[in-house]
Amino acid sequence: MVCRIFKYAYFNVDALLSLAYALHGRAAWCDMATAPRAGSLNWTIFVYFEDGVKWIFRAPRLKIKHFVPDCMSIRSMVASEAATLKYLKKHTTIPVPEVYSYKATWNNQIGIPYILMSRAPGYPLSDYDWSNDVSETGDGPSWSRFNEGKGKLMTQLGGFVSQLLNIRLDKIGSLFENPDGTFRVGECLSPSLVWQSRNTLETINRGPFSSDTEYFESLISAFTLHAKGLPLAQEAFFAPIPKQDEYPTHDSYKSALERWSHFVAIGQKIDSSKNRFSYCIAGQLLGGMIPSLSVEAQGGFPLLHPDLHWGNIFVDDDLNITCLID
């Protein structure tokens, strides 16, 4: 049965449920009437099992503001996310979702790229109401518990980040899984190289990079090429309004006024408010800073989470971190 998940995608639900049954050994179902949860790049639905277990079926969004997803970009991002989660499960104790199955292309029985993984236990830290954990009147939890909770979280988070920093990769890029189950560093899928439709820029070096200098140069190249493609804006052009008493004749004043009018009206001739002139200057300035930012890698490059905000940190009722996602 092919079903549509609201505005997101058509896919074969029966194939998904058959796969879930084969992997878990229990009957499974999906609530097709409930709207999926959607993030910036993906949407998710729950897969329910008769023993009470819940899994997450996650697939990429195809219509995203400021991002033009092409087949190659989608395939790379799905494959890299799944590979990174599997790598972390194998090489660290960081709590991340377990990947049960993934396909990075449309050429599969379900019909869309996906990751089928475990559900993050607990709830996002962004749902936590700190105001209910603080009492200035003496009734209820105290400031000391409030501060202890924050300290506990930061200690745990620091330990997980430390594990990421201790990972050493031979290049800068994104992780991918080889057919034999090993991992490699491939093209870099940094948001700065993908968002704002930068995934469509054809002349960008996307790695993997052997040095941070190459990486910084790629980021600035993407930034500058993106800026050059933006329409001009009136805000990029400033000039004082000519004053008649500053000119010897009325004709010279009129001529200056016409030149001023043409100058400030450049942006009005193109429909946009983007200030590409300022962006291009910023790109040049950033390029000049690369030598001062670059350092020689000592034994490789660490693994970093590019979007570690409190919506991607799950905790239990005692503020123990139960899962890091995305």
C-alpha atoms as a PDB file:
ATOM      1  CA  MET A   1       0.000   0.000   0.000  1.00  0.00           C
ATOM      2  CA  VAL A   2       1.425   3.337  -1.080  1.00  0.00           C
ATOM      3  CA  CYS A   3       0.388   6.183   1.202  1.00  0.00           C
ATOM      4  CA  ARG A   4       1.124   9.844   1.340  1.00  0.00           C
ATOM      5  CA  ILE A   5       2.447  11.315   4.580  1.00  0.00           C
ATOM      6  CA  PHE A   6       0.654  14.638   4.498  1.00  0.00           C
ATOM      7  CA  LYS A   7       2.651  16.986   2.222  1.00  0.00           C
ATOM      8  CA  TYR A   8       5.974  15.213   2.638  1.00  0.00           C
ATOM      9  CA  ALA A   9       6.157  12.046   0.559  1.00  0.00           C
ATOM     10  CA  TYR A  10       4.517   8.971  -0.915  1.00  0.00           C
ATOM     11  CA  PHE A  11       5.970   5.655   0.236  1.00  0.00           C
ATOM     12  CA  ASN A  12       5.098   1.982   0.655  1.00  0.00           C
ATOM     13  CA  VAL A  13       3.819   1.589   4.207  1.00  0.00           C
ATOM     14  CA  ASP A  14       3.402  -2.180   3.903  1.00  0.00           C
ATOM     15  CA  ALA A  15       7.067  -2.511   2.941  1.00  0.00           C
ATOM     16  CA  LEU A  16       8.053  -0.428   5.962  1.00  0.00           C
ATOM     17  CA  LEU A  17       5.973  -2.536   8.347  1.00  0.00           C
ATOM     18  CA  SER A  18       7.303  -5.766   6.818  1.00  0.00           C
ATOM     19  CA  LEU A  19      10.846  -4.528   7.317  1.00  0.00           C
ATOM     20  CA  ALA A  20      10.102  -3.551  10.914  1.00  0.00           C
ATOM     21  CA  TYR A  21       8.619  -6.997  11.595  1.00  0.00           C
ATOM     22  CA  ALA A  22      11.638  -8.724  10.058  1.00  0.00           C
ATOM     23  CA  LEU A  23      14.015  -6.690  12.214  1.00  0.00           C
ATOM     24  CA  HIS A  24      12.138  -6.790  15.532  1.00  0.00           C
ATOM     25  CA  GLY A  25      10.077  -9.965  15.221  1.00  0.00           C
ATOM     26  CA  ARG A  26       6.835  -8.343  16.372  1.00  0.00           C
ATOM     27  CA  ALA A  27       3.824  -7.000  14.496  1.00  0.00           C
ATOM     28  CA  ALA A  28       4.101  -3.282  13.722  1.00  0.00           C
ATOM     29  CA  TRP A  29       1.844  -0.449  12.629  1.00  0.00           C
ATOM     30  CA  CYS A  30       1.907   3.295  11.914  1.00  0.00           C
ATOM     31  CA  ASP A  31      -0.639   5.973  12.743  1.00  0.00           C
ATOM     32  CA  MET A  32      -1.101   7.494   9.304  1.00  0.00           C
ATOM     33  CA  ALA A  33      -3.607  10.075  10.571  1.00  0.00           C
ATOM     34  CA  THR A  34      -1.126  11.818  12.856  1.00  0.00           C
ATOM     35  CA  ALA A  35       0.937  14.623  11.380  1.00  0.00           C
ATOM     36  CA  PRO A  36       4.655  13.802  11.225  1.00  0.00           C
ATOM     37  CA  ARG A  37       7.137  15.697  13.302  1.00  0.00           C
ATOM     38  CA  ALA A  38       9.229  17.879  11.019  1.00  0.00           C
ATOM     39  CA  GLY A  39      12.613  19.475  11.525  1.00  0.00           C
ATOM     40  CA  SER A  40      14.680  21.656   9.250  1.00  0.00           C
ATOM     41  CA  LEU A  41      15.651  18.863   6.860  1.00  0.00           C
ATOM     42  CA  ASN A  42      13.662  15.757   7.815  1.00  0.00           C
ATOM     43  CA  TRP A  43      10.262  14.475   8.871  1.00  0.00           C
ATOM     44  CA  THR A  44       9.610  11.528  11.183  1.00  0.00           C
ATOM     45  CA  ILE A  45       6.814   9.152  12.136  1.00  0.00           C
ATOM     46  CA  PHE A  46       6.578   6.486  14.829  1.00  0.00           C
ATOM     47  CA  VAL A  47       6.561   2.772  14.107  1.00  0.00           C
ATOM     48  CA  TYR A  48       4.685   1.001  16.923  1.00  0.00           C
ATOM     49  CA  PHE A  49       5.181  -2.630  17.961  1.00  0.00           C
ATOM     50  CA  GLU A  50       2.791  -4.847  19.887  1.00  0.00           C
ATOM     51  CA  ASP A  51       5.307  -5.163  22.734  1.00  0.00           C
ATOM     52  CA  GLY A  52       5.216  -1.391  23.324  1.00  0.00           C
ATOM     53  CA  VAL A  53       8.489  -0.578  21.571  1.00  0.00           C
ATOM     54  CA  LYS A  54       8.573   2.525  19.359  1.00  0.00           C
ATOM     55  CA  TRP A  55      10.951   3.141  16.492  1.00  0.00           C
ATOM     56  CA  ILE A  56      11.485   6.238  14.391  1.00  0.00           C
ATOM     57  CA  PHE A  57      11.111   6.257  10.623  1.00  0.00           C
ATOM     58  CA  ARG A  58      12.904   9.331   9.342  1.00  0.00           C
ATOM     59  CA  ALA A  59      13.028  10.671   5.789  1.00  0.00           C
ATOM     60  CA  PRO A  60      14.275  13.883   4.133  1.00  0.00           C
ATOM     61  CA  ARG A  61      11.996  16.774   3.322  1.00  0.00           C
ATOM     62  CA  LEU A  62      11.950  17.609  -0.374  1.00  0.00           C
ATOM     63  CA  LYS A  63      10.670  21.186  -0.248  1.00  0.00           C
ATOM     64  CA  ILE A  64      12.718  23.336   2.078  1.00  0.00           C
ATOM     65  CA  LYS A  65      13.113  27.096   2.205  1.00  0.00           C
ATOM     66  CA  HIS A  66      16.706  28.208   1.566  1.00  0.00           C
ATOM     67  CA  PHE A  67      17.730  24.700   0.518  1.00  0.00           C
ATOM     68  CA  VAL A  68      17.304  23.068  -2.880  1.00  0.00           C
ATOM     69  CA  PRO A  69      17.652  19.347  -2.222  1.00  0.00           C
ATOM     70  CA  ASP A  70      18.926  17.419  -5.244  1.00  0.00           C
ATOM     71  CA  CYS A  71      19.161  13.636  -5.385  1.00  0.00           C
ATOM     72  CA  MET A  72      22.902  13.612  -4.786  1.00  0.00           C
ATOM     73  CA  SER A  73      22.697  15.899  -1.739  1.00  0.00           C
ATOM     74  CA  ILE A  74      19.846  13.903  -0.205  1.00  0.00           C
ATOM     75  CA  ARG A  75      21.644  10.622  -0.777  1.00  0.00           C
ATOM     76  CA  SER A  76      24.836  11.938   0.778  1.00  0.00           C
ATOM     77  CA  MET A  77      23.145  13.441   3.839  1.00  0.00           C
ATOM     78  CA  VAL A  78      21.083  10.340   4.630  1.00  0.00           C
ATOM     79  CA  ALA A  79      24.069   8.033   4.151  1.00  0.00           C
ATOM     80  CA  SER A  80      26.353  10.237   6.241  1.00  0.00           C
ATOM     81  CA  GLU A  81      23.928  10.644   9.137  1.00  0.00           C
ATOM     82  CA  ALA A  82      23.331   6.907   9.356  1.00  0.00           C
ATOM     83  CA  ALA A  83      27.053   6.184   9.112  1.00  0.00           C
ATOM     84  CA  THR A  84      27.877   8.730  11.825  1.00  0.00           C
ATOM     85  CA  LEU A  85      25.348   7.223  14.245  1.00  0.00           C
ATOM     86  CA  LYS A  86      26.711   3.731  13.614  1.00  0.00           C
ATOM     87  CA  TYR A  87      30.283   4.968  14.056  1.00  0.00           C
ATOM     88  CA  LEU A  88      29.439   6.607  17.382  1.00  0.00           C
ATOM     89  CA  LYS A  89      27.707   3.446  18.616  1.00  0.00           C
ATOM     90  CA  LYS A  90      30.800   1.436  17.756  1.00  0.00           C
ATOM     91  CA  HIS A  91      33.545   3.757  18.984  1.00  0.00           C
ATOM     92  CA  THR A  92      32.048   5.764  21.881  1.00  0.00           C
ATOM     93  CA  THR A  93      29.636   5.522  24.801  1.00  0.00           C
ATOM     94  CA  ILE A  94      27.716   8.599  23.647  1.00  0.00           C
ATOM     95  CA  PRO A  95      23.964   7.829  23.744  1.00  0.00           C
ATOM     96  CA  VAL A  96      22.706   8.139  20.164  1.00  0.00           C
ATOM     97  CA  PRO A  97      19.859   6.402  18.309  1.00  0.00           C
ATOM     98  CA  GLU A  98      20.572   2.893  17.065  1.00  0.00           C
ATOM     99  CA  VAL A  99      20.232   2.517  13.299  1.00  0.00           C
ATOM    100  CA  TYR A 100      18.346  -0.650  12.323  1.00  0.00           C
ATOM    101  CA  SER A 101      18.141   0.010   8.595  1.00  0.00           C
ATOM    102  CA  TYR A 102      18.783   2.807   6.129  1.00  0.00           C
ATOM    103  CA  LYS A 103      18.681   3.429   2.413  1.00  0.00           C
ATOM    104  CA  ALA A 104      20.099   6.573   0.867  1.00  0.00           C
ATOM    105  CA  THR A 105      18.327   6.339  -2.505  1.00  0.00           C
ATOM    106  CA  TRP A 106      14.780   5.918  -3.814  1.00  0.00           C
ATOM    107  CA  ASN A 107      15.701   2.485  -5.182  1.00  0.00           C
ATOM    108  CA  ASN A 108      14.291   0.391  -2.355  1.00  0.00           C
ATOM    109  CA  GLN A 109      11.020  -1.351  -1.495  1.00  0.00           C
ATOM    110  CA  ILE A 110       9.788   1.512   0.692  1.00  0.00           C
ATOM    111  CA  GLY A 111      10.331   3.947  -2.161  1.00  0.00           C
ATOM    112  CA  ILE A 112      12.121   6.862  -0.462  1.00  0.00           C
ATOM    113  CA  PRO A 113      15.461   7.470   1.275  1.00  0.00           C
ATOM    114  CA  TYR A 114      15.103   6.774   4.993  1.00  0.00           C
ATOM    115  CA  ILE A 115      16.653   5.847   8.316  1.00  0.00           C
ATOM    116  CA  LEU A 116      14.818   3.417  10.607  1.00  0.00           C
ATOM    117  CA  MET A 117      16.183   3.861  14.112  1.00  0.00           C
ATOM    118  CA  SER A 118      15.426   3.651  17.806  1.00  0.00           C
ATOM    119  CA  ARG A 119      13.384   6.334  19.512  1.00  0.00           C
ATOM    120  CA  ALA A 120      15.284   8.721  21.768  1.00  0.00           C
ATOM    121  CA  PRO A 121      14.196   7.999  25.366  1.00  0.00           C
ATOM    122  CA  GLY A 122      13.144  10.882  27.580  1.00  0.00           C
ATOM    123  CA  TYR A 123      12.249  14.280  26.234  1.00  0.00           C
ATOM    124  CA  PRO A 124      14.118  17.206  24.650  1.00  0.00           C
ATOM    125  CA  LEU A 125      15.856  19.532  27.054  1.00  0.00           C
ATOM    126  CA  SER A 126      14.018  22.356  25.291  1.00  0.00           C
ATOM    127  CA  ASP A 127      10.788  21.022  26.847  1.00  0.00           C
ATOM    128  CA  TYR A 128      12.148  21.367  30.373  1.00  0.00           C
ATOM    129  CA  ASP A 129      10.565  24.190  32.346  1.00  0.00           C
ATOM    130  CA  TRP A 130      13.349  25.561  34.518  1.00  0.00           C
ATOM    131  CA  SER A 131      10.917  27.952  36.197  1.00  0.00           C
ATOM    132  CA  ASN A 132       9.210  25.022  37.922  1.00  0.00           C
ATOM    133  CA  ASP A 133      12.517  23.985  39.439  1.00  0.00           C
ATOM    134  CA  VAL A 134      13.217  27.281  41.154  1.00  0.00           C
ATOM    135  CA  SER A 135      11.659  28.777  44.263  1.00  0.00           C
ATOM    136  CA  GLU A 136      12.406  32.188  45.681  1.00  0.00           C
ATOM    137  CA  THR A 137       9.821  31.843  48.465  1.00  0.00           C
ATOM    138  CA  GLY A 138      11.125  28.636  50.001  1.00  0.00           C
ATOM    139  CA  ASP A 139       8.250  26.533  48.614  1.00  0.00           C
ATOM    140  CA  GLY A 140       9.325  23.836  46.192  1.00  0.00           C
ATOM    141  CA  PRO A 141      12.751  23.085  44.725  1.00  0.00           C
ATOM    142  CA  SER A 142      15.534  25.473  45.627  1.00  0.00           C
ATOM    143  CA  TRP A 143      18.072  27.456  43.673  1.00  0.00           C
ATOM    144  CA  SER A 144      20.686  24.938  44.795  1.00  0.00           C
ATOM    145  CA  ARG A 145      18.879  22.110  43.012  1.00  0.00           C
ATOM    146  CA  PHE A 146      18.428  24.329  39.990  1.00  0.00           C
ATOM    147  CA  ASN A 147      22.173  24.965  39.829  1.00  0.00           C
ATOM    148  CA  GLU A 148      22.987  21.331  40.565  1.00  0.00           C
ATOM    149  CA  GLY A 149      20.803  20.291  37.643  1.00  0.00           C
ATOM    150  CA  LYS A 150      22.586  22.592  35.261  1.00  0.00           C
ATOM    151  CA  GLY A 151      25.962  21.482  36.563  1.00  0.00           C
ATOM    152  CA  LYS A 152      25.014  17.831  36.167  1.00  0.00           C
ATOM    153  CA  LEU A 153      23.951  18.385  32.582  1.00  0.00           C
ATOM    154  CA  MET A 154      27.096  20.282  31.657  1.00  0.00           C
ATOM    155  CA  THR A 155      29.308  17.633  33.253  1.00  0.00           C
ATOM    156  CA  GLN A 156      27.650  14.888  31.218  1.00  0.00           C
ATOM    157  CA  LEU A 157      27.672  16.955  28.059  1.00  0.00           C
ATOM    158  CA  GLY A 158      31.325  17.819  28.571  1.00  0.00           C
ATOM    159  CA  GLY A 159      32.145  14.125  28.817  1.00  0.00           C
ATOM    160  CA  PHE A 160      30.382  13.374  25.547  1.00  0.00           C
ATOM    161  CA  VAL A 161      32.022  16.294  23.745  1.00  0.00           C
ATOM    162  CA  SER A 162      35.374  15.102  25.087  1.00  0.00           C
ATOM    163  CA  GLN A 163      34.790  11.731  23.443  1.00  0.00           C
ATOM    164  CA  LEU A 164      34.069  13.472  20.140  1.00  0.00           C
ATOM    165  CA  LEU A 165      37.255  15.511  20.428  1.00  0.00           C
ATOM    166  CA  ASN A 166      39.290  12.374  21.145  1.00  0.00           C
ATOM    167  CA  ILE A 167      38.185  10.835  17.855  1.00  0.00           C
ATOM    168  CA  ARG A 168      40.855  11.441  15.216  1.00  0.00           C
ATOM    169  CA  LEU A 169      40.003  11.301  11.525  1.00  0.00           C
ATOM    170  CA  ASP A 170      42.546  11.595   8.727  1.00  0.00           C
ATOM    171  CA  LYS A 171      40.641  14.312   6.843  1.00  0.00           C
ATOM    172  CA  ILE A 172      37.976  16.992   7.299  1.00  0.00           C
ATOM    173  CA  GLY A 173      34.649  15.913   5.863  1.00  0.00           C
ATOM    174  CA  SER A 174      31.618  13.767   6.623  1.00  0.00           C
ATOM    175  CA  LEU A 175      31.565  10.114   7.628  1.00  0.00           C
ATOM    176  CA  PHE A 176      30.312   7.422   5.252  1.00  0.00           C
ATOM    177  CA  GLU A 177      30.046   3.654   5.594  1.00  0.00           C
ATOM    178  CA  ASN A 178      31.866   1.311   3.229  1.00  0.00           C
ATOM    179  CA  PRO A 179      30.207  -1.880   1.936  1.00  0.00           C
ATOM    180  CA  ASP A 180      32.343  -3.948   4.335  1.00  0.00           C
ATOM    181  CA  GLY A 181      31.097  -2.009   7.375  1.00  0.00           C
ATOM    182  CA  THR A 182      34.194   0.154   7.806  1.00  0.00           C
ATOM    183  CA  PHE A 183      34.044   3.931   7.666  1.00  0.00           C
ATOM    184  CA  ARG A 184      35.690   6.643   5.574  1.00  0.00           C
ATOM    185  CA  VAL A 185      35.735  10.435   5.454  1.00  0.00           C
ATOM    186  CA  GLY A 186      34.074  11.700   2.279  1.00  0.00           C
ATOM    187  CA  GLU A 187      32.759  15.007   0.989  1.00  0.00           C
ATOM    188  CA  CYS A 188      32.019  17.663   3.589  1.00  0.00           C
ATOM    189  CA  LEU A 189      28.325  18.278   4.241  1.00  0.00           C
ATOM    190  CA  SER A 190      28.832  21.261   6.530  1.00  0.00           C
ATOM    191  CA  PRO A 191      25.731  23.510   6.615  1.00  0.00           C
ATOM    192  CA  SER A 192      27.920  26.316   5.264  1.00  0.00           C
ATOM    193  CA  LEU A 193      28.472  24.262   2.104  1.00  0.00           C
ATOM    194  CA  VAL A 194      24.892  23.026   1.752  1.00  0.00           C
ATOM    195  CA  TRP A 195      22.378  25.564   3.058  1.00  0.00           C
ATOM    196  CA  GLN A 196      21.168  28.639   1.155  1.00  0.00           C
ATOM    197  CA  SER A 197      21.252  26.471  -2.002  1.00  0.00           C
ATOM    198  CA  ARG A 198      25.054  26.294  -1.814  1.00  0.00           C
ATOM    199  CA  ASN A 199      24.783  22.584  -2.563  1.00  0.00           C
ATOM    200  CA  THR A 200      24.094  23.645  -6.176  1.00  0.00           C
ATOM    201  CA  LEU A 201      27.326  25.648  -6.591  1.00  0.00           C
ATOM    202  CA  GLU A 202      29.378  23.564  -9.007  1.00  0.00           C
ATOM    203  CA  THR A 203      32.885  24.997  -8.598  1.00  0.00           C
ATOM    204  CA  ILE A 204      33.181  24.526  -4.828  1.00  0.00           C
ATOM    205  CA  ASN A 205      35.794  22.173  -3.426  1.00  0.00           C
ATOM    206  CA  ARG A 206      33.728  19.939  -1.157  1.00  0.00           C
ATOM    207  CA  GLY A 207      36.523  17.811   0.209  1.00  0.00           C
ATOM    208  CA  PRO A 208      37.488  15.737   1.951  1.00  0.00           C
ATOM    209  CA  PHE A 209      40.111  18.254   3.060  1.00  0.00           C
ATOM    210  CA  SER A 210      43.653  17.467   4.157  1.00  0.00           C
ATOM    211  CA  SER A 211      44.062  20.682   6.164  1.00  0.00           C
ATOM    212  CA  ASP A 212      41.953  23.284   7.892  1.00  0.00           C
ATOM    213  CA  THR A 213      43.307  25.841   5.401  1.00  0.00           C
ATOM    214  CA  GLU A 214      41.638  23.937   2.552  1.00  0.00           C
ATOM    215  CA  TYR A 215      38.445  23.725   4.589  1.00  0.00           C
ATOM    216  CA  PHE A 216      38.355  27.452   5.403  1.00  0.00           C
ATOM    217  CA  GLU A 217      39.085  28.329   1.770  1.00  0.00           C
ATOM    218  CA  SER A 218      36.162  26.160   0.684  1.00  0.00           C
ATOM    219  CA  LEU A 219      33.800  27.835   3.165  1.00  0.00           C
ATOM    220  CA  ILE A 220      34.800  31.306   1.991  1.00  0.00           C
ATOM    221  CA  SER A 221      34.565  30.269  -1.647  1.00  0.00           C
ATOM    222  CA  ALA A 222      31.000  29.039  -1.072  1.00  0.00           C
ATOM    223  CA  PHE A 223      30.150  32.209   0.838  1.00  0.00           C
ATOM    224  CA  THR A 224      31.550  34.485  -1.884  1.00  0.00           C
ATOM    225  CA  LEU A 225      30.018  32.632  -4.830  1.00  0.00           C
ATOM    226  CA  HIS A 226      26.690  32.617  -3.037  1.00  0.00           C
ATOM    227  CA  ALA A 227      26.973  36.360  -2.421  1.00  0.00           C
ATOM    228  CA  LYS A 228      27.862  37.072  -6.051  1.00  0.00           C
ATOM    229  CA  GLY A 229      24.649  35.384  -7.108  1.00  0.00           C
ATOM    230  CA  LEU A 230      22.493  37.624  -4.930  1.00  0.00           C
ATOM    231  CA  PRO A 231      20.695  40.622  -6.433  1.00  0.00           C
ATOM    232  CA  LEU A 232      22.073  44.052  -5.666  1.00  0.00           C
ATOM    233  CA  ALA A 233      20.328  46.061  -2.992  1.00  0.00           C
ATOM    234  CA  GLN A 234      19.808  49.736  -2.494  1.00  0.00           C
ATOM    235  CA  GLU A 235      21.345  49.490   0.968  1.00  0.00           C
ATOM    236  CA  ALA A 236      24.710  48.815  -0.654  1.00  0.00           C
ATOM    237  CA  PHE A 237      24.935  52.287  -2.141  1.00  0.00           C
ATOM    238  CA  PHE A 238      25.253  55.429  -0.076  1.00  0.00           C
ATOM    239  CA  ALA A 239      25.857  58.999  -1.227  1.00  0.00           C
ATOM    240  CA  PRO A 240      25.034  62.435   0.196  1.00  0.00           C
ATOM    241  CA  ILE A 241      22.182  64.258  -1.495  1.00  0.00           C
ATOM    242  CA  PRO A 242      23.582  67.124  -3.602  1.00  0.00           C
ATOM    243  CA  LYS A 243      22.840  70.613  -2.271  1.00  0.00           C
ATOM    244  CA  GLN A 244      22.170  73.374  -4.753  1.00  0.00           C
ATOM    245  CA  ASP A 245      24.306  75.960  -2.946  1.00  0.00           C
ATOM    246  CA  GLU A 246      27.365  73.728  -3.410  1.00  0.00           C
ATOM    247  CA  TYR A 247      27.281  74.079  -7.214  1.00  0.00           C
ATOM    248  CA  PRO A 248      28.165  77.170  -9.280  1.00  0.00           C
ATOM    249  CA  THR A 249      25.256  76.833 -11.727  1.00  0.00           C
ATOM    250  CA  HIS A 250      21.820  75.314 -11.800  1.00  0.00           C
ATOM    251  CA  ASP A 251      22.841  73.035 -14.683  1.00  0.00           C
ATOM    252  CA  SER A 252      25.787  71.590 -12.727  1.00  0.00           C
ATOM    253  CA  TYR A 253      23.531  71.009  -9.720  1.00  0.00           C
ATOM    254  CA  LYS A 254      20.928  69.304 -11.930  1.00  0.00           C
ATOM    255  CA  SER A 255      23.596  67.087 -13.480  1.00  0.00           C
ATOM    256  CA  ALA A 256      24.899  66.069 -10.036  1.00  0.00           C
ATOM    257  CA  LEU A 257      21.371  65.334  -8.859  1.00  0.00           C
ATOM    258  CA  GLU A 258      20.787  63.058 -11.851  1.00  0.00           C
ATOM    259  CA  ARG A 259      24.027  61.163 -11.193  1.00  0.00           C
ATOM    260  CA  TRP A 260      23.079  60.743  -7.534  1.00  0.00           C
ATOM    261  CA  SER A 261      19.622  59.489  -8.505  1.00  0.00           C
ATOM    262  CA  HIS A 262      21.079  56.870 -10.857  1.00  0.00           C
ATOM    263  CA  PHE A 263      23.562  55.774  -8.197  1.00  0.00           C
ATOM    264  CA  VAL A 264      21.114  55.167  -5.353  1.00  0.00           C
ATOM    265  CA  ALA A 265      18.495  53.642  -7.651  1.00  0.00           C
ATOM    266  CA  ILE A 266      20.674  50.698  -8.733  1.00  0.00           C
ATOM    267  CA  GLY A 267      19.194  48.452  -6.108  1.00  0.00           C
ATOM    268  CA  GLN A 268      15.656  49.477  -6.993  1.00  0.00           C
ATOM    269  CA  LYS A 269      16.088  48.072 -10.495  1.00  0.00           C
ATOM    270  CA  ILE A 270      16.348  44.516  -9.113  1.00  0.00           C
ATOM    271  CA  ASP A 271      13.751  42.940  -6.849  1.00  0.00           C
ATOM    272  CA  SER A 272      15.586  42.003  -3.666  1.00  0.00           C
ATOM    273  CA  SER A 273      16.893  43.360  -0.402  1.00  0.00           C
ATOM    274  CA  LYS A 274      20.046  41.253  -0.201  1.00  0.00           C
ATOM    275  CA  ASN A 275      23.234  43.215   0.246  1.00  0.00           C
ATOM    276  CA  ARG A 276      25.681  41.300  -1.912  1.00  0.00           C
ATOM    277  CA  PHE A 277      28.207  44.136  -1.981  1.00  0.00           C
ATOM    278  CA  SER A 278      28.749  43.908   1.772  1.00  0.00           C
ATOM    279  CA  TYR A 279      28.882  40.110   1.640  1.00  0.00           C
ATOM    280  CA  CYS A 280      31.570  40.136  -1.044  1.00  0.00           C
ATOM    281  CA  ILE A 281      33.691  42.541   0.989  1.00  0.00           C
ATOM    282  CA  ALA A 282      33.208  40.337   4.063  1.00  0.00           C
ATOM    283  CA  GLY A 283      34.343  37.318   2.034  1.00  0.00           C
ATOM    284  CA  GLN A 284      37.555  39.091   1.071  1.00  0.00           C
ATOM    285  CA  LEU A 285      38.230  40.073   4.678  1.00  0.00           C
ATOM    286  CA  LEU A 286      37.606  36.531   5.903  1.00  0.00           C
ATOM    287  CA  GLY A 287      39.924  35.155   3.235  1.00  0.00           C
ATOM    288  CA  GLY A 288      42.712  37.330   4.565  1.00  0.00           C
ATOM    289  CA  MET A 289      42.204  35.876   8.045  1.00  0.00           C
ATOM    290  CA  ILE A 290      42.789  32.244   7.039  1.00  0.00           C
ATOM    291  CA  PRO A 291      46.548  32.206   7.786  1.00  0.00           C
ATOM    292  CA  SER A 292      45.914  33.389  11.348  1.00  0.00           C
ATOM    293  CA  LEU A 293      43.167  30.792  11.904  1.00  0.00           C
ATOM    294  CA  SER A 294      44.923  27.767  10.449  1.00  0.00           C
ATOM    295  CA  VAL A 295      46.945  25.448  12.652  1.00  0.00           C
ATOM    296  CA  GLU A 296      48.755  22.244  11.860  1.00  0.00           C
ATOM    297  CA  ALA A 297      46.615  19.241  12.761  1.00  0.00           C
ATOM    298  CA  GLN A 298      48.064  17.130  15.552  1.00  0.00           C
ATOM    299  CA  GLY A 299      47.248  13.515  14.812  1.00  0.00           C
ATOM    300  CA  GLY A 300      44.107  14.118  12.784  1.00  0.00           C
ATOM    301  CA  PHE A 301      40.796  15.925  13.066  1.00  0.00           C
ATOM    302  CA  PRO A 302      38.043  15.484  15.707  1.00  0.00           C
ATOM    303  CA  LEU A 303      34.384  14.721  15.126  1.00  0.00           C
ATOM    304  CA  LEU A 304      31.997  17.580  15.887  1.00  0.00           C
ATOM    305  CA  HIS A 305      28.226  17.921  16.265  1.00  0.00           C
ATOM    306  CA  PRO A 306      27.209  20.865  14.021  1.00  0.00           C
ATOM    307  CA  ASP A 307      23.836  21.465  15.673  1.00  0.00           C
ATOM    308  CA  LEU A 308      24.104  20.656  19.374  1.00  0.00           C
ATOM    309  CA  HIS A 309      21.286  22.786  20.754  1.00  0.00           C
ATOM    310  CA  TRP A 310      18.944  21.890  23.605  1.00  0.00           C
ATOM    311  CA  GLY A 311      16.272  20.563  21.258  1.00  0.00           C
ATOM    312  CA  ASN A 312      18.702  17.814  20.232  1.00  0.00           C
ATOM    313  CA  ILE A 313      19.610  16.833  23.803  1.00  0.00           C
ATOM    314  CA  PHE A 314      17.200  14.351  25.439  1.00  0.00           C
ATOM    315  CA  VAL A 315      17.037  13.896  29.208  1.00  0.00           C
ATOM    316  CA  ASP A 316      15.098  11.868  31.765  1.00  0.00           C
ATOM    317  CA  ASP A 317      13.246  13.178  34.838  1.00  0.00           C
ATOM    318  CA  ASP A 318      16.497  13.289  36.815  1.00  0.00           C
ATOM    319  CA  LEU A 319      18.234  15.354  34.126  1.00  0.00           C
ATOM    320  CA  ASN A 320      20.422  12.507  32.955  1.00  0.00           C
ATOM    321  CA  ILE A 321      21.218  12.841  29.259  1.00  0.00           C
ATOM    322  CA  THR A 322      19.570   9.893  27.529  1.00  0.00           C
ATOM    323  CA  CYS A 323      20.258  10.654  23.875  1.00  0.00           C
ATOM    324  CA  LEU A 324      21.872  13.110  21.459  1.00  0.00           C
ATOM    325  CA  ILE A 325      20.202  13.362  18.066  1.00  0.00           C
ATOM    326  CA  ASP A 326      20.731  14.995  14.646  1.00  0.00           C
END
